[in-house]
Amino acid sequence: MRPSFNPRLVNGPFEDPALFIPLAFRRRAVIFDLGDLSALSPGDLLKITHVFISHTHMDHFIGFDQLLRLFLGRGKSLHLFGPHGFLDNVMGKLRAYTWNLVSNYQECLNIKATEIDAQTYVTRSFNCQAGFEPSPPVTMSLDSPYVHREPGFSVSTAILDHRIPSLAFALKERFHVNILKPRLEEMGLAVGPWISRFKELLVQEMDPATEIQAQPMGTGGQPVAFSLGELAQQIARITPGQKIAYVADALYSEENKKKIVDLAHKADHLFIEAAFSEKDRGVAKEKYHLTAHQAGDLARKAMVRELSIFHHSPRYLDQGDLLEREARKAFGRN
């Protein structure tokens, strides 16, 4: 089964946090946090449509400028999500520059930023040709954990205590469409771009009578027409969707622990900070961070399949293996 999400940490565990998640078959990506993005190619960066920020400490948000510079003049829309105070931070970034020449761009960048609080979320738009002056705020009730939903996937959040609000996120695929290649061969159908369209139509719950043009094997063959429902019965198996969870910068408190375990429950992959060794648990508490042992224990309690730790304190620069061992031992997988 080819996964729909292929998450990878942009930087090493001692460097800035950023989790880049390309979406298979869609030529787009989402990203959790915007630390230093120098390791990503312009091609990868231009796939990003949605950005989810845990909090705006510099090491989690400095990459915004790089993204902004690359996106200018390309006619793109960029959706940003962050915690309390986020809109002021975005406005501060945009107002740090002079925009007297942006009216010359034929293609206009539009940024839509959303600030998430416990009960509400507030959205403002920033349009390039208007010099990124903010639109009036739109406030809506936050009546579910979801901060973003579309037909294929959703993103939910939990507000954690890092002495300031820090958001954790979970990206959940609605369901996964597995193509049965032996059935393709039996029906004389070739693998090709038409399969991506077939999957998209299933995800969007289109009418089963919708016509699909499937490509036959061999060269020069004419496409064969099927109904969406007929083809789904013949060549597809629907399985539970993939889930990726991301936790950065949080105190190990009872309230945070419950929120993290609930958010990451049965995730396929949990990416979680592990700033300190367990022997420095007191320092971790003082600085509102997790130890590697605590990260592993949370992963075990959340029953996740795979664990990756990151965001290590530089005091362990030559002891990264120590933090990995502590996390794995608590996780129960050495």
C-alpha atoms as a PDB file:
ATOM      1  CA  MET A   1       0.000   0.000   0.000  1.00  0.00           C
ATOM      2  CA  ARG A   2       1.442   3.327  -1.030  1.00  0.00           C
ATOM      3  CA  PRO A   3       0.825   5.860   1.762  1.00  0.00           C
ATOM      4  CA  SER A   4      -1.021   9.096   1.080  1.00  0.00           C
ATOM      5  CA  PHE A   5       1.196  11.082   3.472  1.00  0.00           C
ATOM      6  CA  ASN A   6       4.984  10.912   3.387  1.00  0.00           C
ATOM      7  CA  PRO A   7       6.095  13.018   6.376  1.00  0.00           C
ATOM      8  CA  ARG A   8       9.698  13.980   6.913  1.00  0.00           C
ATOM      9  CA  LEU A   9      11.420  16.272   9.351  1.00  0.00           C
ATOM     10  CA  VAL A  10      13.073  19.070   7.389  1.00  0.00           C
ATOM     11  CA  ASN A  11      16.057  19.340   9.737  1.00  0.00           C
ATOM     12  CA  GLY A  12      18.059  17.206  12.128  1.00  0.00           C
ATOM     13  CA  PRO A  13      16.905  16.682  15.738  1.00  0.00           C
ATOM     14  CA  PHE A  14      19.140  19.493  17.063  1.00  0.00           C
ATOM     15  CA  GLU A  15      17.958  22.011  14.457  1.00  0.00           C
ATOM     16  CA  ASP A  16      14.777  24.009  13.868  1.00  0.00           C
ATOM     17  CA  PRO A  17      11.419  22.175  13.900  1.00  0.00           C
ATOM     18  CA  ALA A  18       9.474  21.716  10.671  1.00  0.00           C
ATOM     19  CA  LEU A  19       7.577  18.654   9.455  1.00  0.00           C
ATOM     20  CA  PHE A  20       6.995  18.585   5.695  1.00  0.00           C
ATOM     21  CA  ILE A  21       4.168  16.317   4.497  1.00  0.00           C
ATOM     22  CA  PRO A  22       3.719  15.844   0.745  1.00  0.00           C
ATOM     23  CA  LEU A  23       0.289  14.572  -0.254  1.00  0.00           C
ATOM     24  CA  ALA A  24       0.605  11.683  -2.698  1.00  0.00           C
ATOM     25  CA  PHE A  25      -1.143  12.082  -6.058  1.00  0.00           C
ATOM     26  CA  ARG A  26      -1.973  15.753  -5.354  1.00  0.00           C
ATOM     27  CA  ARG A  27       1.188  17.755  -6.128  1.00  0.00           C
ATOM     28  CA  ARG A  28       0.746  19.647  -2.877  1.00  0.00           C
ATOM     29  CA  ALA A  29       1.960  19.526   0.706  1.00  0.00           C
ATOM     30  CA  VAL A  30       1.212  20.762   4.206  1.00  0.00           C
ATOM     31  CA  ILE A  31       3.800  21.694   6.807  1.00  0.00           C
ATOM     32  CA  PHE A  32       3.824  21.793  10.609  1.00  0.00           C
ATOM     33  CA  ASP A  33       6.005  24.667  11.879  1.00  0.00           C
ATOM     34  CA  LEU A  34       8.314  26.887   9.876  1.00  0.00           C
ATOM     35  CA  GLY A  35      11.802  26.657  11.287  1.00  0.00           C
ATOM     36  CA  ASP A  36      14.754  27.052   8.918  1.00  0.00           C
ATOM     37  CA  LEU A  37      13.530  25.751   5.534  1.00  0.00           C
ATOM     38  CA  SER A  38      16.864  25.864   3.672  1.00  0.00           C
ATOM     39  CA  ALA A  39      16.927  22.080   3.292  1.00  0.00           C
ATOM     40  CA  LEU A  40      13.746  22.102   1.188  1.00  0.00           C
ATOM     41  CA  SER A  41      13.967  22.751  -2.539  1.00  0.00           C
ATOM     42  CA  PRO A  42      11.932  25.575  -4.110  1.00  0.00           C
ATOM     43  CA  GLY A  43       9.903  22.878  -5.857  1.00  0.00           C
ATOM     44  CA  ASP A  44       8.951  21.320  -2.524  1.00  0.00           C
ATOM     45  CA  LEU A  45       8.198  24.672  -0.911  1.00  0.00           C
ATOM     46  CA  LEU A  46       5.908  25.673  -3.774  1.00  0.00           C
ATOM     47  CA  LYS A  47       3.771  22.582  -3.111  1.00  0.00           C
ATOM     48  CA  ILE A  48       2.789  23.938   0.313  1.00  0.00           C
ATOM     49  CA  THR A  49      -0.802  25.141   0.576  1.00  0.00           C
ATOM     50  CA  HIS A  50      -1.441  24.935   4.341  1.00  0.00           C
ATOM     51  CA  VAL A  51       0.892  25.850   7.203  1.00  0.00           C
ATOM     52  CA  PHE A  52       0.182  24.901  10.826  1.00  0.00           C
ATOM     53  CA  ILE A  53       2.269  26.730  13.450  1.00  0.00           C
ATOM     54  CA  SER A  54       2.601  25.448  17.010  1.00  0.00           C
ATOM     55  CA  HIS A  55       3.725  28.867  18.313  1.00  0.00           C
ATOM     56  CA  THR A  56       5.780  31.767  17.059  1.00  0.00           C
ATOM     57  CA  HIS A  57       9.067  31.396  18.899  1.00  0.00           C
ATOM     58  CA  MET A  58      11.743  32.212  16.333  1.00  0.00           C
ATOM     59  CA  ASP A  59      12.884  28.628  15.727  1.00  0.00           C
ATOM     60  CA  HIS A  60       9.315  27.646  14.793  1.00  0.00           C
ATOM     61  CA  PHE A  61       8.466  30.619  12.558  1.00  0.00           C
ATOM     62  CA  ILE A  62      11.603  32.062  10.994  1.00  0.00           C
ATOM     63  CA  GLY A  63      10.954  30.167   7.750  1.00  0.00           C
ATOM     64  CA  PHE A  64       7.888  32.304   7.054  1.00  0.00           C
ATOM     65  CA  ASP A  65      10.051  34.951   5.381  1.00  0.00           C
ATOM     66  CA  GLN A  66      11.590  32.376   3.044  1.00  0.00           C
ATOM     67  CA  LEU A  67       8.169  31.053   2.092  1.00  0.00           C
ATOM     68  CA  LEU A  68       6.811  34.572   1.567  1.00  0.00           C
ATOM     69  CA  ARG A  69       9.695  35.576  -0.693  1.00  0.00           C
ATOM     70  CA  LEU A  70       9.333  32.476  -2.862  1.00  0.00           C
ATOM     71  CA  PHE A  71       5.541  32.747  -3.179  1.00  0.00           C
ATOM     72  CA  LEU A  72       5.473  36.410  -4.227  1.00  0.00           C
ATOM     73  CA  GLY A  73       4.370  36.978  -7.816  1.00  0.00           C
ATOM     74  CA  ARG A  74       3.152  33.416  -8.353  1.00  0.00           C
ATOM     75  CA  GLY A  75      -0.610  33.780  -7.997  1.00  0.00           C
ATOM     76  CA  LYS A  76      -0.838  31.401  -5.075  1.00  0.00           C
ATOM     77  CA  SER A  77      -2.958  31.163  -1.945  1.00  0.00           C
ATOM     78  CA  LEU A  78      -1.366  30.274   1.362  1.00  0.00           C
ATOM     79  CA  HIS A  79      -3.372  29.227   4.427  1.00  0.00           C
ATOM     80  CA  LEU A  80      -1.786  29.761   7.853  1.00  0.00           C
ATOM     81  CA  PHE A  81      -2.983  28.540  11.254  1.00  0.00           C
ATOM     82  CA  GLY A  82      -1.530  29.434  14.644  1.00  0.00           C
ATOM     83  CA  PRO A  83      -2.293  30.036  18.349  1.00  0.00           C
ATOM     84  CA  HIS A  84      -3.509  33.058  20.301  1.00  0.00           C
ATOM     85  CA  GLY A  85      -1.713  36.208  19.130  1.00  0.00           C
ATOM     86  CA  PHE A  86      -0.883  34.680  15.741  1.00  0.00           C
ATOM     87  CA  LEU A  87      -2.600  37.354  13.638  1.00  0.00           C
ATOM     88  CA  ASP A  88      -0.561  40.114  15.268  1.00  0.00           C
ATOM     89  CA  ASN A  89       2.612  38.127  14.583  1.00  0.00           C
ATOM     90  CA  VAL A  90       1.714  37.641  10.902  1.00  0.00           C
ATOM     91  CA  MET A  91       0.851  41.333  10.545  1.00  0.00           C
ATOM     92  CA  GLY A  92       4.141  42.250  12.200  1.00  0.00           C
ATOM     93  CA  LYS A  93       6.056  40.121   9.725  1.00  0.00           C
ATOM     94  CA  LEU A  94       4.249  41.607   6.724  1.00  0.00           C
ATOM     95  CA  ARG A  95       4.537  45.185   7.957  1.00  0.00           C
ATOM     96  CA  ALA A  96       8.294  44.829   8.356  1.00  0.00           C
ATOM     97  CA  TYR A  97       8.649  45.222   4.575  1.00  0.00           C
ATOM     98  CA  THR A  98       7.820  47.964   2.069  1.00  0.00           C
ATOM     99  CA  TRP A  99       5.296  46.848  -0.566  1.00  0.00           C
ATOM    100  CA  ASN A 100       5.162  49.866  -2.906  1.00  0.00           C
ATOM    101  CA  LEU A 101       6.081  47.742  -5.969  1.00  0.00           C
ATOM    102  CA  VAL A 102       3.797  44.729  -5.510  1.00  0.00           C
ATOM    103  CA  SER A 103       1.119  46.245  -7.748  1.00  0.00           C
ATOM    104  CA  ASN A 104       3.467  45.405 -10.648  1.00  0.00           C
ATOM    105  CA  TYR A 105       2.943  41.683 -10.090  1.00  0.00           C
ATOM    106  CA  GLN A 106       0.528  40.167 -12.573  1.00  0.00           C
ATOM    107  CA  GLU A 107       0.008  37.182 -10.278  1.00  0.00           C
ATOM    108  CA  CYS A 108      -1.140  38.000  -6.762  1.00  0.00           C
ATOM    109  CA  LEU A 109      -0.314  36.167  -3.541  1.00  0.00           C
ATOM    110  CA  ASN A 110      -3.161  35.896  -1.041  1.00  0.00           C
ATOM    111  CA  ILE A 111      -2.503  34.849   2.545  1.00  0.00           C
ATOM    112  CA  LYS A 112      -5.350  33.664   4.750  1.00  0.00           C
ATOM    113  CA  ALA A 113      -4.323  33.482   8.407  1.00  0.00           C
ATOM    114  CA  THR A 114      -6.358  31.923  11.207  1.00  0.00           C
ATOM    115  CA  GLU A 115      -5.794  32.389  14.937  1.00  0.00           C
ATOM    116  CA  ILE A 116      -7.050  29.536  17.118  1.00  0.00           C
ATOM    117  CA  ASP A 117      -8.318  29.994  20.661  1.00  0.00           C
ATOM    118  CA  ALA A 118     -10.144  27.565  22.935  1.00  0.00           C
ATOM    119  CA  GLN A 119     -13.630  28.620  21.821  1.00  0.00           C
ATOM    120  CA  THR A 120     -13.183  30.596  18.612  1.00  0.00           C
ATOM    121  CA  TYR A 121     -11.010  31.048  15.592  1.00  0.00           C
ATOM    122  CA  VAL A 122     -10.448  34.366  13.866  1.00  0.00           C
ATOM    123  CA  THR A 123      -9.434  34.695  10.209  1.00  0.00           C
ATOM    124  CA  ARG A 124      -8.001  37.638   8.261  1.00  0.00           C
ATOM    125  CA  SER A 125      -6.816  37.799   4.659  1.00  0.00           C
ATOM    126  CA  PHE A 126      -3.718  39.624   3.404  1.00  0.00           C
ATOM    127  CA  ASN A 127      -3.640  40.377  -0.315  1.00  0.00           C
ATOM    128  CA  CYS A 128      -0.414  41.205  -2.125  1.00  0.00           C
ATOM    129  CA  GLN A 129      -1.878  43.906  -4.375  1.00  0.00           C
ATOM    130  CA  ALA A 130      -3.362  45.642  -1.340  1.00  0.00           C
ATOM    131  CA  GLY A 131       0.079  45.825   0.233  1.00  0.00           C
ATOM    132  CA  PHE A 132      -0.888  42.988   2.561  1.00  0.00           C
ATOM    133  CA  GLU A 133      -3.192  45.227   4.563  1.00  0.00           C
ATOM    134  CA  PRO A 134      -5.444  42.909   6.579  1.00  0.00           C
ATOM    135  CA  SER A 135      -9.101  42.374   5.805  1.00  0.00           C
ATOM    136  CA  PRO A 136     -11.635  42.810   8.646  1.00  0.00           C
ATOM    137  CA  PRO A 137     -11.510  39.856  11.038  1.00  0.00           C
ATOM    138  CA  VAL A 138     -14.063  37.052  10.715  1.00  0.00           C
ATOM    139  CA  THR A 139     -14.777  35.214  13.982  1.00  0.00           C
ATOM    140  CA  MET A 140     -16.363  31.777  14.143  1.00  0.00           C
ATOM    141  CA  SER A 141     -17.100  29.338  16.955  1.00  0.00           C
ATOM    142  CA  LEU A 142     -14.679  26.460  17.289  1.00  0.00           C
ATOM    143  CA  ASP A 143     -17.223  23.712  17.938  1.00  0.00           C
ATOM    144  CA  SER A 144     -14.958  20.775  17.048  1.00  0.00           C
ATOM    145  CA  PRO A 145     -11.251  19.917  17.258  1.00  0.00           C
ATOM    146  CA  TYR A 146     -10.935  20.353  13.489  1.00  0.00           C
ATOM    147  CA  VAL A 147      -9.248  23.516  12.258  1.00  0.00           C
ATOM    148  CA  HIS A 148      -9.220  22.413   8.627  1.00  0.00           C
ATOM    149  CA  ARG A 149     -11.312  19.915   6.681  1.00  0.00           C
ATOM    150  CA  GLU A 150     -11.549  18.996   3.033  1.00  0.00           C
ATOM    151  CA  PRO A 151     -12.848  15.847   1.298  1.00  0.00           C
ATOM    152  CA  GLY A 152      -9.616  13.866   1.575  1.00  0.00           C
ATOM    153  CA  PHE A 153      -8.343  14.751   5.039  1.00  0.00           C
ATOM    154  CA  SER A 154      -8.753  16.855   8.162  1.00  0.00           C
ATOM    155  CA  VAL A 155      -6.417  18.578  10.623  1.00  0.00           C
ATOM    156  CA  SER A 156      -7.330  18.696  14.307  1.00  0.00           C
ATOM    157  CA  THR A 157      -5.557  20.507  17.103  1.00  0.00           C
ATOM    158  CA  ALA A 158      -5.008  20.594  20.853  1.00  0.00           C
ATOM    159  CA  ILE A 159      -3.928  23.707  22.752  1.00  0.00           C
ATOM    160  CA  LEU A 160      -1.014  22.821  25.045  1.00  0.00           C
ATOM    161  CA  ASP A 161       0.720  24.741  27.813  1.00  0.00           C
ATOM    162  CA  HIS A 162       4.247  25.927  26.978  1.00  0.00           C
ATOM    163  CA  ARG A 163       3.904  28.905  29.307  1.00  0.00           C
ATOM    164  CA  ILE A 164       2.198  30.302  26.220  1.00  0.00           C
ATOM    165  CA  PRO A 165      -0.364  28.441  24.093  1.00  0.00           C
ATOM    166  CA  SER A 166       1.341  25.889  21.832  1.00  0.00           C
ATOM    167  CA  LEU A 167      -0.677  23.941  19.285  1.00  0.00           C
ATOM    168  CA  ALA A 168      -0.264  20.229  18.584  1.00  0.00           C
ATOM    169  CA  PHE A 169      -1.757  18.842  15.379  1.00  0.00           C
ATOM    170  CA  ALA A 170      -3.051  15.605  13.878  1.00  0.00           C
ATOM    171  CA  LEU A 171      -3.452  15.097  10.132  1.00  0.00           C
ATOM    172  CA  LYS A 172      -6.011  12.368   9.367  1.00  0.00           C
ATOM    173  CA  GLU A 173      -6.832  10.849   6.005  1.00  0.00           C
ATOM    174  CA  ARG A 174     -10.548  10.172   5.692  1.00  0.00           C
ATOM    175  CA  PHE A 175      -9.990   6.719   4.212  1.00  0.00           C
ATOM    176  CA  HIS A 176      -7.406   5.080   1.999  1.00  0.00           C
ATOM    177  CA  VAL A 177      -8.076   3.696  -1.467  1.00  0.00           C
ATOM    178  CA  ASN A 178      -5.944   0.642  -2.267  1.00  0.00           C
ATOM    179  CA  ILE A 179      -5.763  -0.362  -5.929  1.00  0.00           C
ATOM    180  CA  LEU A 180      -5.829  -4.136  -6.505  1.00  0.00           C
ATOM    181  CA  LYS A 181      -3.211  -4.515  -9.221  1.00  0.00           C
ATOM    182  CA  PRO A 182      -4.015  -8.186  -9.962  1.00  0.00           C
ATOM    183  CA  ARG A 183      -7.580  -7.102 -10.785  1.00  0.00           C
ATOM    184  CA  LEU A 184      -6.235  -4.379 -13.076  1.00  0.00           C
ATOM    185  CA  GLU A 185      -4.264  -7.011 -14.965  1.00  0.00           C
ATOM    186  CA  GLU A 186      -7.246  -9.363 -15.172  1.00  0.00           C
ATOM    187  CA  MET A 187      -9.324  -6.550 -16.652  1.00  0.00           C
ATOM    188  CA  GLY A 188      -6.550  -5.539 -19.046  1.00  0.00           C
ATOM    189  CA  LEU A 189      -6.183  -2.067 -17.538  1.00  0.00           C
ATOM    190  CA  ALA A 190      -2.923  -0.136 -17.276  1.00  0.00           C
ATOM    191  CA  VAL A 191      -1.621   1.849 -14.329  1.00  0.00           C
ATOM    192  CA  GLY A 192      -1.735   5.522 -15.240  1.00  0.00           C
ATOM    193  CA  PRO A 193      -2.918   9.049 -14.393  1.00  0.00           C
ATOM    194  CA  TRP A 194      -6.553   7.970 -14.656  1.00  0.00           C
ATOM    195  CA  ILE A 195      -6.178   6.118 -11.344  1.00  0.00           C
ATOM    196  CA  SER A 196      -5.436   9.386  -9.519  1.00  0.00           C
ATOM    197  CA  ARG A 197      -8.669  10.856 -10.873  1.00  0.00           C
ATOM    198  CA  PHE A 198     -10.521   7.683  -9.870  1.00  0.00           C
ATOM    199  CA  LYS A 199      -9.230   7.988  -6.290  1.00  0.00           C
ATOM    200  CA  GLU A 200     -10.087  11.685  -6.095  1.00  0.00           C
ATOM    201  CA  LEU A 201     -13.659  11.013  -7.210  1.00  0.00           C
ATOM    202  CA  LEU A 202     -14.040   8.338  -4.537  1.00  0.00           C
ATOM    203  CA  VAL A 203     -12.705  10.662  -1.846  1.00  0.00           C
ATOM    204  CA  GLN A 204     -15.099  13.394  -2.989  1.00  0.00           C
ATOM    205  CA  GLU A 205     -18.006  10.920  -2.812  1.00  0.00           C
ATOM    206  CA  MET A 206     -19.095  11.600  -6.366  1.00  0.00           C
ATOM    207  CA  ASP A 207     -22.158   9.902  -7.840  1.00  0.00           C
ATOM    208  CA  PRO A 208     -21.375   6.186  -8.422  1.00  0.00           C
ATOM    209  CA  ALA A 209     -22.739   6.641 -11.943  1.00  0.00           C
ATOM    210  CA  THR A 210     -19.928   9.122 -12.787  1.00  0.00           C
ATOM    211  CA  GLU A 211     -18.064   7.928 -15.844  1.00  0.00           C
ATOM    212  CA  ILE A 212     -14.377   7.038 -15.675  1.00  0.00           C
ATOM    213  CA  GLN A 213     -12.193   6.583 -18.734  1.00  0.00           C
ATOM    214  CA  ALA A 214      -9.688   3.814 -17.925  1.00  0.00           C
ATOM    215  CA  GLN A 215      -6.567   3.244 -19.994  1.00  0.00           C
ATOM    216  CA  PRO A 216      -6.148  -0.297 -21.368  1.00  0.00           C
ATOM    217  CA  MET A 217      -2.817  -2.101 -21.457  1.00  0.00           C
ATOM    218  CA  GLY A 218      -0.667  -1.792 -24.545  1.00  0.00           C
ATOM    219  CA  THR A 219      -0.098   1.182 -26.796  1.00  0.00           C
ATOM    220  CA  GLY A 220      -2.683   2.937 -28.865  1.00  0.00           C
ATOM    221  CA  GLY A 221      -5.690   1.400 -27.149  1.00  0.00           C
ATOM    222  CA  GLN A 222      -8.818   3.471 -26.778  1.00  0.00           C
ATOM    223  CA  PRO A 223      -9.935   4.346 -23.203  1.00  0.00           C
ATOM    224  CA  VAL A 224     -12.593   2.080 -21.747  1.00  0.00           C
ATOM    225  CA  ALA A 225     -15.602   3.642 -19.987  1.00  0.00           C
ATOM    226  CA  PHE A 226     -16.688   2.435 -16.535  1.00  0.00           C
ATOM    227  CA  SER A 227     -18.986   3.857 -13.896  1.00  0.00           C
ATOM    228  CA  LEU A 228     -17.262   4.988 -10.696  1.00  0.00           C
ATOM    229  CA  GLY A 229     -19.256   2.527  -8.588  1.00  0.00           C
ATOM    230  CA  GLU A 230     -18.560  -0.421 -10.893  1.00  0.00           C
ATOM    231  CA  LEU A 231     -14.848   0.280 -10.987  1.00  0.00           C
ATOM    232  CA  ALA A 232     -14.677   0.714  -7.197  1.00  0.00           C
ATOM    233  CA  GLN A 233     -16.157  -2.740  -6.710  1.00  0.00           C
ATOM    234  CA  GLN A 234     -13.746  -4.259  -9.203  1.00  0.00           C
ATOM    235  CA  ILE A 235     -10.336  -2.743  -8.449  1.00  0.00           C
ATOM    236  CA  ALA A 236     -10.432  -0.940  -5.071  1.00  0.00           C
ATOM    237  CA  ARG A 237     -10.272  -1.857  -1.408  1.00  0.00           C
ATOM    238  CA  ILE A 238     -11.135   0.852   1.129  1.00  0.00           C
ATOM    239  CA  THR A 239      -9.122   0.823   4.378  1.00  0.00           C
ATOM    240  CA  PRO A 240      -8.843   3.218   7.366  1.00  0.00           C
ATOM    241  CA  GLY A 241      -6.986   6.415   6.558  1.00  0.00           C
ATOM    242  CA  GLN A 242      -3.471   7.328   7.628  1.00  0.00           C
ATOM    243  CA  LYS A 243      -2.881   9.555  10.673  1.00  0.00           C
ATOM    244  CA  ILE A 244       0.148  11.735  11.457  1.00  0.00           C
ATOM    245  CA  ALA A 245       0.488  13.560  14.810  1.00  0.00           C
ATOM    246  CA  TYR A 246       2.872  16.391  15.674  1.00  0.00           C
ATOM    247  CA  VAL A 247       3.690  17.708  19.161  1.00  0.00           C
ATOM    248  CA  ALA A 248       6.223  20.475  19.780  1.00  0.00           C
ATOM    249  CA  ASP A 249       7.091  22.360  22.975  1.00  0.00           C
ATOM    250  CA  ALA A 250       4.844  21.360  25.863  1.00  0.00           C
ATOM    251  CA  LEU A 251       4.998  20.983  29.619  1.00  0.00           C
ATOM    252  CA  TYR A 252       4.587  17.440  30.979  1.00  0.00           C
ATOM    253  CA  SER A 253       1.435  18.210  32.985  1.00  0.00           C
ATOM    254  CA  GLU A 254      -1.662  16.114  33.576  1.00  0.00           C
ATOM    255  CA  GLU A 255      -3.750  18.335  31.306  1.00  0.00           C
ATOM    256  CA  ASN A 256      -1.168  18.320  28.502  1.00  0.00           C
ATOM    257  CA  LYS A 257      -0.660  14.558  28.792  1.00  0.00           C
ATOM    258  CA  LYS A 258      -4.360  13.857  28.317  1.00  0.00           C
ATOM    259  CA  LYS A 259      -4.611  16.218  25.366  1.00  0.00           C
ATOM    260  CA  ILE A 260      -1.552  14.702  23.643  1.00  0.00           C
ATOM    261  CA  VAL A 261      -2.685  11.103  24.152  1.00  0.00           C
ATOM    262  CA  ASP A 262      -6.179  11.900  22.873  1.00  0.00           C
ATOM    263  CA  LEU A 263      -4.900  13.805  19.839  1.00  0.00           C
ATOM    264  CA  ALA A 264      -2.295  11.197  18.851  1.00  0.00           C
ATOM    265  CA  HIS A 265      -4.444   8.141  19.650  1.00  0.00           C
ATOM    266  CA  LYS A 266      -3.522   5.290  17.289  1.00  0.00           C
ATOM    267  CA  ALA A 267      -1.576   7.563  14.955  1.00  0.00           C
ATOM    268  CA  ASP A 268       0.496   5.807  12.328  1.00  0.00           C
ATOM    269  CA  HIS A 269       3.383   8.137  13.143  1.00  0.00           C
ATOM    270  CA  LEU A 270       3.913  10.532  16.042  1.00  0.00           C
ATOM    271  CA  PHE A 271       6.537  13.250  15.762  1.00  0.00           C
ATOM    272  CA  ILE A 272       7.148  14.643  19.237  1.00  0.00           C
ATOM    273  CA  GLU A 273       9.707  16.902  20.856  1.00  0.00           C
ATOM    274  CA  ALA A 274      12.219  15.398  23.275  1.00  0.00           C
ATOM    275  CA  ALA A 275      14.236  18.359  24.478  1.00  0.00           C
ATOM    276  CA  PHE A 276      15.902  16.864  27.570  1.00  0.00           C
ATOM    277  CA  SER A 277      17.148  13.647  29.099  1.00  0.00           C
ATOM    278  CA  GLU A 278      15.141  12.173  31.964  1.00  0.00           C
ATOM    279  CA  LYS A 279      18.026  12.964  34.341  1.00  0.00           C
ATOM    280  CA  ASP A 280      17.298  16.635  33.621  1.00  0.00           C
ATOM    281  CA  ARG A 281      13.576  16.294  34.217  1.00  0.00           C
ATOM    282  CA  GLY A 282      13.598  19.298  36.546  1.00  0.00           C
ATOM    283  CA  VAL A 283      15.130  21.498  33.864  1.00  0.00           C
ATOM    284  CA  ALA A 284      12.531  20.259  31.358  1.00  0.00           C
ATOM    285  CA  LYS A 285       9.729  21.197  33.748  1.00  0.00           C
ATOM    286  CA  GLU A 286      11.243  24.614  34.393  1.00  0.00           C
ATOM    287  CA  LYS A 287      11.480  25.288  30.655  1.00  0.00           C
ATOM    288  CA  TYR A 288       8.073  23.750  29.819  1.00  0.00           C
ATOM    289  CA  HIS A 289       9.500  21.003  27.577  1.00  0.00           C
ATOM    290  CA  LEU A 290       9.328  17.206  27.444  1.00  0.00           C
ATOM    291  CA  THR A 291      12.053  14.709  28.223  1.00  0.00           C
ATOM    292  CA  ALA A 292      12.784  11.831  25.851  1.00  0.00           C
ATOM    293  CA  HIS A 293      11.335   9.379  28.388  1.00  0.00           C
ATOM    294  CA  GLN A 294       8.146  11.428  28.644  1.00  0.00           C
ATOM    295  CA  ALA A 295       7.852  11.583  24.849  1.00  0.00           C
ATOM    296  CA  GLY A 296       8.192   7.812  24.579  1.00  0.00           C
ATOM    297  CA  ASP A 297       5.720   7.232  27.400  1.00  0.00           C
ATOM    298  CA  LEU A 298       3.133   9.470  25.719  1.00  0.00           C
ATOM    299  CA  ALA A 299       3.631   7.577  22.451  1.00  0.00           C
ATOM    300  CA  ARG A 300       3.056   4.273  24.258  1.00  0.00           C
ATOM    301  CA  LYS A 301      -0.087   5.532  25.972  1.00  0.00           C
ATOM    302  CA  ALA A 302      -1.405   6.900  22.681  1.00  0.00           C
ATOM    303  CA  MET A 303      -0.776   3.483  21.057  1.00  0.00           C
ATOM    304  CA  VAL A 304       0.956   4.975  18.041  1.00  0.00           C
ATOM    305  CA  ARG A 305       2.653   2.726  15.490  1.00  0.00           C
ATOM    306  CA  GLU A 306       5.818   4.702  14.913  1.00  0.00           C
ATOM    307  CA  LEU A 307       7.675   7.337  16.921  1.00  0.00           C
ATOM    308  CA  SER A 308      10.143  10.035  15.880  1.00  0.00           C
ATOM    309  CA  ILE A 309      11.646  12.456  18.383  1.00  0.00           C
ATOM    310  CA  PHE A 310      13.177  15.848  17.562  1.00  0.00           C
ATOM    311  CA  HIS A 311      13.935  19.325  18.951  1.00  0.00           C
ATOM    312  CA  HIS A 312      16.761  18.218  21.277  1.00  0.00           C
ATOM    313  CA  SER A 313      18.508  20.707  23.549  1.00  0.00           C
ATOM    314  CA  PRO A 314      22.036  21.528  22.296  1.00  0.00           C
ATOM    315  CA  ARG A 315      23.413  20.407  25.670  1.00  0.00           C
ATOM    316  CA  TYR A 316      23.124  16.825  24.294  1.00  0.00           C
ATOM    317  CA  LEU A 317      24.785  17.588  20.984  1.00  0.00           C
ATOM    318  CA  ASP A 318      27.037  14.527  21.243  1.00  0.00           C
ATOM    319  CA  GLN A 319      24.401  12.391  23.024  1.00  0.00           C
ATOM    320  CA  GLY A 320      21.566  12.133  20.543  1.00  0.00           C
ATOM    321  CA  ASP A 321      21.662   8.347  20.868  1.00  0.00           C
ATOM    322  CA  LEU A 322      20.991   8.697  24.627  1.00  0.00           C
ATOM    323  CA  LEU A 323      17.737  10.561  24.006  1.00  0.00           C
ATOM    324  CA  GLU A 324      16.736   8.047  21.341  1.00  0.00           C
ATOM    325  CA  ARG A 325      17.346   5.124  23.720  1.00  0.00           C
ATOM    326  CA  GLU A 326      15.371   6.774  26.523  1.00  0.00           C
ATOM    327  CA  ALA A 327      12.416   7.438  24.235  1.00  0.00           C
ATOM    328  CA  ARG A 328      12.483   3.922  22.738  1.00  0.00           C
ATOM    329  CA  LYS A 329      12.667   2.283  26.163  1.00  0.00           C
ATOM    330  CA  ALA A 330       9.621   4.225  27.409  1.00  0.00           C
ATOM    331  CA  PHE A 331       7.824   3.524  24.139  1.00  0.00           C
ATOM    332  CA  GLY A 332       8.475  -0.176  24.653  1.00  0.00           C
ATOM    333  CA  ARG A 333      10.375  -0.619  21.403  1.00  0.00           C
ATOM    334  CA  ASN A 334      14.148  -0.622  21.777  1.00  0.00           C
END
